């Protein structure tokens, strides 16, 4: 199945693409600050941010690499990057 331009593959399509194990930071989403724009899920290079309801998104931490693009692009500043303790 060919991918269209701008399309991302959903996490879990391949067993070897779990990139979350080498993450240093992870995103914390604030439902109170969220505007529901969905930019975080569009900008995520791993396509691992899932919309739960109108203003609630969660990342799949098996695939999140902690790049911080979601937090950087969030217009409502509803995403904070926290250092992961391993």
PDB file of N, CA and C in Angstrom:
ATOM      1  N   UNK A   1       0.844  -1.177   0.000  1.00  0.00           N
ATOM      2  CA  UNK A   1       0.000   0.000   0.000  1.00  0.00           C
ATOM      3  C   UNK A   1       0.889   1.239   0.000  1.00  0.00           C
ATOM      4  N   UNK A   2       0.851   2.053  -1.025  1.00  0.00           N
ATOM      5  CA  UNK A   2       1.690   3.255  -1.085  1.00  0.00           C
ATOM      6  C   UNK A   2       1.192   4.331  -0.119  1.00  0.00           C
ATOM      7  N   UNK A   3       2.119   5.098   0.401  1.00  0.00           N
ATOM      8  CA  UNK A   3       1.777   6.204   1.290  1.00  0.00           C
ATOM      9  C   UNK A   3       1.647   7.480   0.480  1.00  0.00           C
ATOM     10  N   UNK A   4       0.696   8.291   0.807  1.00  0.00           N
ATOM     11  CA  UNK A   4       0.530   9.587   0.158  1.00  0.00           C
ATOM     12  C   UNK A   4       1.525  10.580   0.726  1.00  0.00           C
ATOM     13  N   UNK A   5       1.808  11.642   0.012  1.00  0.00           N
ATOM     14  CA  UNK A   5       2.717  12.681   0.492  1.00  0.00           C
ATOM     15  C   UNK A   5       2.160  13.257   1.782  1.00  0.00           C
ATOM     16  N   UNK A   6       2.998  13.360   2.791  1.00  0.00           N
ATOM     17  CA  UNK A   6       2.579  13.907   4.074  1.00  0.00           C
ATOM     18  C   UNK A   6       1.951  12.881   4.992  1.00  0.00           C
ATOM     19  N   UNK A   7       1.858  11.656   4.558  1.00  0.00           N
ATOM     20  CA  UNK A   7       1.230  10.608   5.351  1.00  0.00           C
ATOM     21  C   UNK A   7       2.271   9.977   6.275  1.00  0.00           C
ATOM     22  N   UNK A   8       1.852   9.573   7.447  1.00  0.00           N
ATOM     23  CA  UNK A   8       2.734   8.858   8.356  1.00  0.00           C
ATOM     24  C   UNK A   8       2.168   7.473   8.594  1.00  0.00           C
ATOM     25  N   UNK A   9       3.032   6.522   8.816  1.00  0.00           N
ATOM     26  CA  UNK A   9       2.592   5.175   9.152  1.00  0.00           C
ATOM     27  C   UNK A   9       2.306   5.124  10.647  1.00  0.00           C
ATOM     28  N   UNK A  10       1.256   4.449  11.026  1.00  0.00           N
ATOM     29  CA  UNK A  10       0.912   4.305  12.435  1.00  0.00           C
ATOM     30  C   UNK A  10       1.970   3.478  13.136  1.00  0.00           C
ATOM     31  N   UNK A  11       2.225   3.759  14.425  1.00  0.00           N
ATOM     32  CA  UNK A  11       3.195   2.953  15.165  1.00  0.00           C
ATOM     33  C   UNK A  11       2.754   1.494  15.207  1.00  0.00           C
ATOM     34  N   UNK A  12       3.712   0.619  15.246  1.00  0.00           N
ATOM     35  CA  UNK A  12       3.408  -0.790  15.350  1.00  0.00           C
ATOM     36  C   UNK A  12       3.312  -1.495  14.013  1.00  0.00           C
ATOM     37  N   UNK A  13       3.519  -0.800  12.910  1.00  0.00           N
ATOM     38  CA  UNK A  13       3.469  -1.442  11.601  1.00  0.00           C
ATOM     39  C   UNK A  13       4.618  -2.443  11.447  1.00  0.00           C
ATOM     40  N   UNK A  14       5.713  -2.162  12.084  1.00  0.00           N
ATOM     41  CA  UNK A  14       6.852  -3.074  12.062  1.00  0.00           C
ATOM     42  C   UNK A  14       7.291  -3.340  13.488  1.00  0.00           C
ATOM     43  N   UNK A  15       7.753  -4.533  13.757  1.00  0.00           N
ATOM     44  CA  UNK A  15       8.138  -4.878  15.134  1.00  0.00           C
ATOM     45  C   UNK A  15       9.446  -4.217  15.565  1.00  0.00           C
ATOM     46  N   UNK A  16      10.215  -3.725  14.621  1.00  0.00           N
ATOM     47  CA  UNK A  16      11.529  -3.183  14.954  1.00  0.00           C
ATOM     48  C   UNK A  16      11.571  -1.669  15.077  1.00  0.00           C
ATOM     49  N   UNK A  17      10.423  -0.984  15.010  1.00  0.00           N
ATOM     50  CA  UNK A  17      10.470   0.480  15.007  1.00  0.00           C
ATOM     51  C   UNK A  17      10.148   1.113  16.352  1.00  0.00           C
ATOM     52  N   UNK A  18      10.238   0.365  17.435  1.00  0.00           N
ATOM     53  CA  UNK A  18      10.009   0.955  18.756  1.00  0.00           C
ATOM     54  C   UNK A  18      11.226   1.803  19.118  1.00  0.00           C
ATOM     55  N   UNK A  19      11.053   3.118  19.049  1.00  0.00           N
ATOM     56  CA  UNK A  19      12.168   4.043  19.261  1.00  0.00           C
ATOM     57  C   UNK A  19      12.170   4.637  20.672  1.00  0.00           C
ATOM     58  N   UNK A  20      11.193   4.282  21.495  1.00  0.00           N
ATOM     59  CA  UNK A  20      11.067   4.880  22.817  1.00  0.00           C
ATOM     60  C   UNK A  20      12.124   4.468  23.821  1.00  0.00           C
ATOM     61  N   UNK A  21      12.846   3.391  23.573  1.00  0.00           N
ATOM     62  CA  UNK A  21      13.805   2.890  24.563  1.00  0.00           C
ATOM     63  C   UNK A  21      15.017   3.801  24.735  1.00  0.00           C
ATOM     64  N   UNK A  22      15.344   4.628  23.760  1.00  0.00           N
ATOM     65  CA  UNK A  22      16.511   5.505  23.885  1.00  0.00           C
ATOM     66  C   UNK A  22      16.135   6.956  24.167  1.00  0.00           C
ATOM     67  N   UNK A  23      14.871   7.184  24.517  1.00  0.00           N
ATOM     68  CA  UNK A  23      14.366   8.533  24.794  1.00  0.00           C
ATOM     69  C   UNK A  23      14.984   9.078  26.090  1.00  0.00           C
ATOM     70  N   UNK A  24      15.281  10.379  26.120  1.00  0.00           N
ATOM     71  CA  UNK A  24      15.779  11.055  27.319  1.00  0.00           C
ATOM     72  C   UNK A  24      14.660  11.904  27.935  1.00  0.00           C
ATOM     73  N   UNK A  25      13.833  12.521  27.091  1.00  0.00           N
ATOM     74  CA  UNK A  25      12.704  13.328  27.547  1.00  0.00           C
ATOM     75  C   UNK A  25      11.411  12.717  27.041  1.00  0.00           C
ATOM     76  N   UNK A  26      10.319  12.983  27.732  1.00  0.00           N
ATOM     77  CA  UNK A  26       9.006  12.529  27.274  1.00  0.00           C
ATOM     78  C   UNK A  26       7.996  13.646  27.483  1.00  0.00           C
ATOM     79  N   UNK A  27       6.943  13.693  26.658  1.00  0.00           N
ATOM     80  CA  UNK A  27       5.966  14.778  26.751  1.00  0.00           C
ATOM     81  C   UNK A  27       4.911  14.534  27.816  1.00  0.00           C
ATOM     82  N   UNK A  28       4.558  15.606  28.523  1.00  0.00           N
ATOM     83  CA  UNK A  28       3.446  15.616  29.469  1.00  0.00           C
ATOM     84  C   UNK A  28       2.412  16.571  28.899  1.00  0.00           C
ATOM     85  N   UNK A  29       1.198  16.064  28.680  1.00  0.00           N
ATOM     86  CA  UNK A  29       0.131  16.849  28.063  1.00  0.00           C
ATOM     87  C   UNK A  29      -0.790  17.421  29.133  1.00  0.00           C
ATOM     88  N   UNK A  30      -1.134  18.702  29.008  1.00  0.00           N
ATOM     89  CA  UNK A  30      -2.059  19.373  29.923  1.00  0.00           C
ATOM     90  C   UNK A  30      -3.413  19.526  29.235  1.00  0.00           C
ATOM     91  N   UNK A  31      -4.409  18.809  29.717  1.00  0.00           N
ATOM     92  CA  UNK A  31      -5.752  18.893  29.138  1.00  0.00           C
ATOM     93  C   UNK A  31      -6.339  20.289  29.348  1.00  0.00           C
ATOM     94  N   UNK A  32      -5.980  20.949  30.443  1.00  0.00           N
ATOM     95  CA  UNK A  32      -6.510  22.274  30.757  1.00  0.00           C
ATOM     96  C   UNK A  32      -6.028  23.335  29.772  1.00  0.00           C
ATOM     97  N   UNK A  33      -4.775  23.229  29.319  1.00  0.00           N
ATOM     98  CA  UNK A  33      -4.214  24.215  28.395  1.00  0.00           C
ATOM     99  C   UNK A  33      -4.473  23.879  26.932  1.00  0.00           C
ATOM    100  N   UNK A  34      -4.825  22.644  26.639  1.00  0.00           N
ATOM    101  CA  UNK A  34      -4.988  22.175  25.260  1.00  0.00           C
ATOM    102  C   UNK A  34      -6.138  22.900  24.560  1.00  0.00           C
ATOM    103  N   UNK A  35      -5.885  23.321  23.322  1.00  0.00           N
ATOM    104  CA  UNK A  35      -6.922  23.971  22.514  1.00  0.00           C
ATOM    105  C   UNK A  35      -7.608  22.983  21.577  1.00  0.00           C
ATOM    106  N   UNK A  36      -7.076  21.771  21.494  1.00  0.00           N
ATOM    107  CA  UNK A  36      -7.660  20.754  20.631  1.00  0.00           C
ATOM    108  C   UNK A  36      -7.315  20.903  19.163  1.00  0.00           C
ATOM    109  N   UNK A  37      -6.259  21.644  18.847  1.00  0.00           N
ATOM    110  CA  UNK A  37      -5.906  21.922  17.453  1.00  0.00           C
ATOM    111  C   UNK A  37      -5.357  20.700  16.714  1.00  0.00           C
ATOM    112  N   UNK A  38      -4.710  19.785  17.433  1.00  0.00           N
ATOM    113  CA  UNK A  38      -4.176  18.570  16.816  1.00  0.00           C
ATOM    114  C   UNK A  38      -2.823  18.720  16.155  1.00  0.00           C
ATOM    115  N   UNK A  39      -2.190  19.885  16.301  1.00  0.00           N
ATOM    116  CA  UNK A  39      -0.877  20.093  15.685  1.00  0.00           C
ATOM    117  C   UNK A  39       0.138  19.087  16.223  1.00  0.00           C
ATOM    118  N   UNK A  40       0.036  18.742  17.495  1.00  0.00           N
ATOM    119  CA  UNK A  40       0.990  17.806  18.090  1.00  0.00           C
ATOM    120  C   UNK A  40       0.983  16.463  17.361  1.00  0.00           C
ATOM    121  N   UNK A  41      -0.203  15.956  17.057  1.00  0.00           N
ATOM    122  CA  UNK A  41      -0.276  14.665  16.378  1.00  0.00           C
ATOM    123  C   UNK A  41       0.153  14.761  14.918  1.00  0.00           C
ATOM    124  N   UNK A  42      -0.044  15.915  14.302  1.00  0.00           N
ATOM    125  CA  UNK A  42       0.381  16.099  12.911  1.00  0.00           C
ATOM    126  C   UNK A  42       1.892  16.242  12.780  1.00  0.00           C
ATOM    127  N   UNK A  43       2.531  16.909  13.752  1.00  0.00           N
ATOM    128  CA  UNK A  43       3.956  17.213  13.668  1.00  0.00           C
ATOM    129  C   UNK A  43       4.836  16.054  14.159  1.00  0.00           C
ATOM    130  N   UNK A  44       4.258  15.133  14.919  1.00  0.00           N
ATOM    131  CA  UNK A  44       5.040  14.034  15.498  1.00  0.00           C
ATOM    132  C   UNK A  44       5.650  13.165  14.402  1.00  0.00           C
ATOM    133  N   UNK A  45       7.000  13.050  14.354  1.00  0.00           N
ATOM    134  CA  UNK A  45       7.629  12.266  13.298  1.00  0.00           C
ATOM    135  C   UNK A  45       7.352  10.768  13.407  1.00  0.00           C
ATOM    136  N   UNK A  46       6.989  10.295  14.584  1.00  0.00           N
ATOM    137  CA  UNK A  46       6.682   8.879  14.763  1.00  0.00           C
ATOM    138  C   UNK A  46       5.192   8.592  14.631  1.00  0.00           C
ATOM    139  N   UNK A  47       4.362   9.634  14.573  1.00  0.00           N
ATOM    140  CA  UNK A  47       2.921   9.434  14.468  1.00  0.00           C
ATOM    141  C   UNK A  47       2.345   8.711  15.667  1.00  0.00           C
ATOM    142  N   UNK A  48       2.882   8.993  16.851  1.00  0.00           N
ATOM    143  CA  UNK A  48       2.494   8.213  18.031  1.00  0.00           C
ATOM    144  C   UNK A  48       1.621   8.979  19.024  1.00  0.00           C
ATOM    145  N   UNK A  49       1.094  10.122  18.634  1.00  0.00           N
ATOM    146  CA  UNK A  49       0.217  10.876  19.529  1.00  0.00           C
ATOM    147  C   UNK A  49      -1.222  10.614  19.116  1.00  0.00           C
ATOM    148  N   UNK A  50      -1.989  10.089  20.062  1.00  0.00           N
ATOM    149  CA  UNK A  50      -3.372   9.698  19.786  1.00  0.00           C
ATOM    150  C   UNK A  50      -4.354  10.651  20.456  1.00  0.00           C
ATOM    151  N   UNK A  51      -5.392  11.008  19.721  1.00  0.00           N
ATOM    152  CA  UNK A  51      -6.445  11.865  20.270  1.00  0.00           C
ATOM    153  C   UNK A  51      -7.434  10.993  21.041  1.00  0.00           C
ATOM    154  N   UNK A  52      -7.646  11.346  22.312  1.00  0.00           N
ATOM    155  CA  UNK A  52      -8.568  10.603  23.170  1.00  0.00           C
ATOM    156  C   UNK A  52      -9.947  11.251  23.145  1.00  0.00           C
ATOM    157  N   UNK A  53      -9.993  12.557  23.308  1.00  0.00           N
ATOM    158  CA  UNK A  53     -11.232  13.314  23.158  1.00  0.00           C
ATOM    159  C   UNK A  53     -10.889  14.707  22.646  1.00  0.00           C
ATOM    160  N   UNK A  54     -11.819  15.626  22.706  1.00  0.00           N
ATOM    161  CA  UNK A  54     -11.650  16.941  22.088  1.00  0.00           C
ATOM    162  C   UNK A  54     -10.368  17.660  22.491  1.00  0.00           C
ATOM    163  N   UNK A  55     -10.007  17.581  23.758  1.00  0.00           N
ATOM    164  CA  UNK A  55      -8.806  18.279  24.234  1.00  0.00           C
ATOM    165  C   UNK A  55      -7.891  17.356  25.023  1.00  0.00           C
ATOM    166  N   UNK A  56      -7.813  16.112  24.627  1.00  0.00           N
ATOM    167  CA  UNK A  56      -6.936  15.181  25.330  1.00  0.00           C
ATOM    168  C   UNK A  56      -6.196  14.300  24.333  1.00  0.00           C
ATOM    169  N   UNK A  57      -4.878  14.367  24.393  1.00  0.00           N
ATOM    170  CA  UNK A  57      -4.001  13.586  23.538  1.00  0.00           C
ATOM    171  C   UNK A  57      -3.029  12.828  24.427  1.00  0.00           C
ATOM    172  N   UNK A  58      -2.652  11.624  23.990  1.00  0.00           N
ATOM    173  CA  UNK A  58      -1.640  10.860  24.730  1.00  0.00           C
ATOM    174  C   UNK A  58      -0.621  10.296  23.743  1.00  0.00           C
ATOM    175  N   UNK A  59       0.658  10.273  24.153  1.00  0.00           N
ATOM    176  CA  UNK A  59       1.676   9.671  23.294  1.00  0.00           C
ATOM    177  C   UNK A  59       1.825   8.185  23.617  1.00  0.00           C
ATOM    178  N   UNK A  60       2.149   7.399  22.618  1.00  0.00           N
ATOM    179  CA  UNK A  60       2.504   6.004  22.838  1.00  0.00           C
ATOM    180  C   UNK A  60       4.001   6.007  23.126  1.00  0.00           C
ATOM    181  N   UNK A  61       4.362   5.816  24.375  1.00  0.00           N
ATOM    182  CA  UNK A  61       5.756   5.954  24.793  1.00  0.00           C
ATOM    183  C   UNK A  61       6.655   4.832  24.280  1.00  0.00           C
ATOM    184  N   UNK A  62       6.080   3.776  23.706  1.00  0.00           N
ATOM    185  CA  UNK A  62       6.899   2.758  23.049  1.00  0.00           C
ATOM    186  C   UNK A  62       7.546   3.324  21.786  1.00  0.00           C
ATOM    187  N   UNK A  63       6.927   4.355  21.207  1.00  0.00           N
ATOM    188  CA  UNK A  63       7.398   4.905  19.942  1.00  0.00           C
ATOM    189  C   UNK A  63       7.903   6.341  20.057  1.00  0.00           C
ATOM    190  N   UNK A  64       7.518   7.062  21.106  1.00  0.00           N
ATOM    191  CA  UNK A  64       7.958   8.448  21.286  1.00  0.00           C
ATOM    192  C   UNK A  64       9.460   8.479  21.528  1.00  0.00           C
ATOM    193  N   UNK A  65      10.195   9.272  20.702  1.00  0.00           N
ATOM    194  CA  UNK A  65      11.627   9.392  20.884  1.00  0.00           C
ATOM    195  C   UNK A  65      12.023  10.587  21.729  1.00  0.00           C
ATOM    196  N   UNK A  66      11.031  11.367  22.167  1.00  0.00           N
ATOM    197  CA  UNK A  66      11.324  12.500  23.031  1.00  0.00           C
ATOM    198  C   UNK A  66      11.959  13.668  22.316  1.00  0.00           C
ATOM    199  N   UNK A  67      11.669  13.836  21.035  1.00  0.00           N
ATOM    200  CA  UNK A  67      12.306  14.898  20.251  1.00  0.00           C
ATOM    201  C   UNK A  67      11.823  16.292  20.653  1.00  0.00           C
ATOM    202  N   UNK A  68      10.614  16.399  21.195  1.00  0.00           N
ATOM    203  CA  UNK A  68      10.094  17.682  21.657  1.00  0.00           C
ATOM    204  C   UNK A  68       9.437  18.538  20.601  1.00  0.00           C
ATOM    205  N   UNK A  69       9.292  18.030  19.372  1.00  0.00           N
ATOM    206  CA  UNK A  69       8.635  18.812  18.325  1.00  0.00           C
ATOM    207  C   UNK A  69       7.199  19.144  18.704  1.00  0.00           C
ATOM    208  N   UNK A  70       6.499  18.216  19.333  1.00  0.00           N
ATOM    209  CA  UNK A  70       5.106  18.465  19.735  1.00  0.00           C
ATOM    210  C   UNK A  70       5.035  19.645  20.704  1.00  0.00           C
ATOM    211  N   UNK A  71       5.932  19.672  21.685  1.00  0.00           N
ATOM    212  CA  UNK A  71       5.949  20.748  22.677  1.00  0.00           C
ATOM    213  C   UNK A  71       6.356  22.075  22.040  1.00  0.00           C
ATOM    214  N   UNK A  72       7.293  22.024  21.125  1.00  0.00           N
ATOM    215  CA  UNK A  72       7.776  23.235  20.462  1.00  0.00           C
ATOM    216  C   UNK A  72       6.694  23.883  19.606  1.00  0.00           C
ATOM    217  N   UNK A  73       5.892  23.075  18.937  1.00  0.00           N
ATOM    218  CA  UNK A  73       4.891  23.593  18.008  1.00  0.00           C
ATOM    219  C   UNK A  73       3.519  23.821  18.633  1.00  0.00           C
ATOM    220  N   UNK A  74       3.289  23.400  19.851  1.00  0.00           N
ATOM    221  CA  UNK A  74       1.980  23.544  20.502  1.00  0.00           C
ATOM    222  C   UNK A  74       1.666  25.023  20.751  1.00  0.00           C
ATOM    223  N   UNK A  75       0.621  25.566  20.100  1.00  0.00           N
ATOM    224  CA  UNK A  75       0.309  26.989  20.269  1.00  0.00           C
ATOM    225  C   UNK A  75      -0.221  27.331  21.661  1.00  0.00           C
ATOM    226  N   UNK A  76      -0.773  26.360  22.354  1.00  0.00           N
ATOM    227  CA  UNK A  76      -1.311  26.605  23.693  1.00  0.00           C
ATOM    228  C   UNK A  76      -0.337  26.305  24.814  1.00  0.00           C
ATOM    229  N   UNK A  77       0.897  25.933  24.452  1.00  0.00           N
ATOM    230  CA  UNK A  77       1.922  25.549  25.426  1.00  0.00           C
ATOM    231  C   UNK A  77       1.376  24.510  26.400  1.00  0.00           C
ATOM    232  N   UNK A  78       0.651  23.532  25.851  1.00  0.00           N
ATOM    233  CA  UNK A  78       0.007  22.499  26.662  1.00  0.00           C
ATOM    234  C   UNK A  78       0.868  21.251  26.825  1.00  0.00           C
ATOM    235  N   UNK A  79       2.075  21.272  26.270  1.00  0.00           N
ATOM    236  CA  UNK A  79       2.954  20.104  26.349  1.00  0.00           C
ATOM    237  C   UNK A  79       4.285  20.527  26.958  1.00  0.00           C
ATOM    238  N   UNK A  80       4.670  19.826  28.007  1.00  0.00           N
ATOM    239  CA  UNK A  80       5.965  20.073  28.645  1.00  0.00           C
ATOM    240  C   UNK A  80       6.815  18.817  28.485  1.00  0.00           C
ATOM    241  N   UNK A  81       8.087  19.011  28.260  1.00  0.00           N
ATOM    242  CA  UNK A  81       9.002  17.877  28.142  1.00  0.00           C
ATOM    243  C   UNK A  81       9.673  17.646  29.489  1.00  0.00           C
ATOM    244  N   UNK A  82       9.521  16.439  30.000  1.00  0.00           N
ATOM    245  CA  UNK A  82      10.095  16.069  31.286  1.00  0.00           C
ATOM    246  C   UNK A  82      11.251  15.081  31.060  1.00  0.00           C
ATOM    247  N   UNK A  83      12.287  15.207  31.884  1.00  0.00           N
ATOM    248  CA  UNK A  83      13.407  14.269  31.795  1.00  0.00           C
ATOM    249  C   UNK A  83      12.964  12.919  32.348  1.00  0.00           C
ATOM    250  N   UNK A  84      13.265  11.883  31.591  1.00  0.00           N
ATOM    251  CA  UNK A  84      12.876  10.535  31.993  1.00  0.00           C
ATOM    252  C   UNK A  84      13.925   9.933  32.914  1.00  0.00           C
ATOM    253  N   UNK A  85      13.465   9.370  33.998  1.00  0.00           N
ATOM    254  CA  UNK A  85      14.350   8.670  34.931  1.00  0.00           C
ATOM    255  C   UNK A  85      14.296   7.190  34.595  1.00  0.00           C
ATOM    256  N   UNK A  86      15.445   6.608  34.325  1.00  0.00           N
ATOM    257  CA  UNK A  86      15.488   5.171  33.974  1.00  0.00           C
ATOM    258  C   UNK A  86      16.208   4.392  35.016  1.00  0.00           C
TER     259      UNK A  86
END
